[in-house]
Amino acid sequence: MMTTDPTSRADFIRGLRRLANFLADNPKVPVPTYGSEISVHTDSGSDDEQRAAIDRISDLIGSPASEGAHYVTARDFGPISYRAVAVPADCMRDHDAWFSYRGAISA
């Protein structure tokens, strides 16, 4: 899910800064070897509406959107990436069907 609510954004940004400061102050705490990713996902609307949301983010971050199984735009900040994702309804149906069996079969 994603939001542009000013309070939520401010809380998120403060949390990122606290994390960065904590890691800088505690050099023995490990970090991912190859970086990490912050992902936001569209959470409502038709496939076309979700694609439009990703296109708006693409314009805001200055990075083209690409289509594979999902519709994605991303921007790298060194080893950290910001990624916005829209999952098409057919992919979400497949995912939900796959996980509907979770816990039903045991070895």
Protein backbone atom coordinates (compact mmCIF):
# COMPACT_ATOMS: atom_id res chain seq x y z
CA MET A 1 0.00 0.00 0.00
CA MET A 2 1.05 3.57 -0.45
CA THR A 3 0.04 7.02 0.67
CA THR A 4 0.95 10.66 0.19
CA ASP A 5 -0.59 11.64 3.55
CA PRO A 6 1.79 14.25 5.00
CA THR A 7 1.76 12.74 8.50
CA SER A 8 2.46 9.22 7.24
CA ARG A 9 5.21 10.49 4.94
CA ALA A 10 6.84 12.47 7.76
CA ASP A 11 6.73 9.43 10.06
CA PHE A 12 8.24 7.22 7.36
CA ILE A 13 11.04 9.68 6.57
CA ARG A 14 11.83 10.13 10.28
CA GLY A 15 12.03 6.35 10.61
CA LEU A 16 14.45 6.13 7.68
CA ARG A 17 16.64 8.80 9.22
CA ARG A 18 16.59 7.07 12.62
CA LEU A 19 17.57 3.80 10.94
CA ALA A 20 20.41 5.47 9.03
CA ASN A 21 21.67 7.17 12.19
CA PHE A 22 21.42 3.92 14.18
CA LEU A 23 23.42 2.02 11.56
CA ALA A 24 26.01 4.79 11.36
CA ASP A 25 26.36 4.79 15.16
CA ASN A 26 26.54 0.97 15.42
CA PRO A 27 29.05 -0.25 12.83
CA LYS A 28 28.91 -3.85 14.09
CA VAL A 29 25.24 -4.20 13.16
CA PRO A 30 25.19 -5.94 9.75
CA VAL A 31 23.48 -4.56 6.67
CA PRO A 32 22.49 -6.38 3.46
CA THR A 33 25.52 -7.17 1.32
CA TYR A 34 23.91 -6.02 -1.91
CA GLY A 35 21.54 -3.37 -0.62
CA SER A 36 17.84 -3.32 -0.05
CA GLU A 37 14.58 -2.15 -1.53
CA ILE A 38 11.66 -0.09 -0.35
CA SER A 39 8.56 -1.19 -2.24
CA VAL A 40 5.17 0.45 -2.42
CA HIS A 41 2.27 -1.38 -4.02
CA THR A 42 -0.93 -0.09 -5.52
CA ASP A 43 -3.81 -1.40 -3.47
CA SER A 44 -7.01 -0.58 -5.32
CA GLY A 45 -8.52 0.17 -8.67
CA SER A 46 -8.65 -1.54 -12.02
CA ASP A 47 -5.50 -2.69 -13.79
CA ASP A 48 -5.61 0.50 -15.89
CA GLU A 49 -5.98 2.69 -12.80
CA GLN A 50 -3.09 0.93 -11.08
CA ARG A 51 -0.92 1.30 -14.19
CA ALA A 52 -1.77 5.01 -14.26
CA ALA A 53 -0.67 5.30 -10.61
CA ILE A 54 2.68 3.68 -11.47
CA ASP A 55 3.02 5.99 -14.48
CA ARG A 56 2.51 9.03 -12.19
CA ILE A 57 5.18 7.74 -9.81
CA SER A 58 7.45 7.03 -12.77
CA ASP A 59 7.19 10.68 -13.78
CA LEU A 60 7.82 11.84 -10.20
CA ILE A 61 10.96 9.74 -9.70
CA GLY A 62 12.27 10.23 -13.25
CA SER A 63 12.46 6.56 -14.14
CA PRO A 64 10.55 4.68 -16.83
CA ALA A 65 8.00 2.01 -15.96
CA SER A 66 8.44 -1.51 -17.28
CA GLU A 67 6.11 -4.40 -17.70
CA GLY A 68 6.71 -8.03 -16.93
CA ALA A 69 4.51 -10.07 -14.66
CA HIS A 70 3.96 -6.81 -12.76
CA TYR A 71 4.05 -3.14 -13.82
CA VAL A 72 7.02 -1.50 -12.07
CA THR A 73 9.05 1.66 -11.81
CA ALA A 74 12.16 2.01 -9.69
CA ARG A 75 14.95 4.38 -8.82
CA ASP A 76 18.24 3.44 -7.20
CA PHE A 77 19.94 5.47 -4.49
CA GLY A 78 23.23 3.64 -4.27
CA PRO A 79 22.50 0.20 -2.85
CA ILE A 80 18.96 1.23 -1.81
CA SER A 81 16.10 1.15 -4.32
CA TYR A 82 12.67 2.75 -4.28
CA ARG A 83 10.24 0.57 -6.22
CA ALA A 84 6.54 1.06 -7.01
CA VAL A 85 4.58 -1.98 -8.19
CA ALA A 86 1.15 -2.73 -9.65
CA VAL A 87 0.12 -6.38 -9.63
CA PRO A 88 -2.43 -7.16 -12.37
CA ALA A 89 -5.71 -8.75 -11.29
CA ASP A 90 -4.95 -12.04 -13.08
CA CYS A 91 -1.61 -12.37 -11.26
CA MET A 92 -3.30 -11.61 -7.94
CA ARG A 93 -5.98 -14.24 -8.64
CA ASP A 94 -3.25 -16.80 -9.38
CA HIS A 95 -1.44 -15.85 -6.18
CA ASP A 96 -4.61 -16.10 -4.10
CA ALA A 97 -5.47 -19.49 -5.63
CA TRP A 98 -1.96 -20.80 -4.99
CA PHE A 99 -2.01 -19.73 -1.35
CA SER A 100 -5.53 -21.02 -0.76
CA TYR A 101 -3.93 -24.48 -0.43
CA ARG A 102 -1.43 -23.33 2.18
CA GLY A 103 -1.59 -25.55 5.22
CA ALA A 104 -3.97 -28.02 3.58
CA ILE A 105 -1.28 -30.54 2.66
CA SER A 106 1.32 -31.92 4.99
CA ALA A 107 4.10 -34.44 4.46
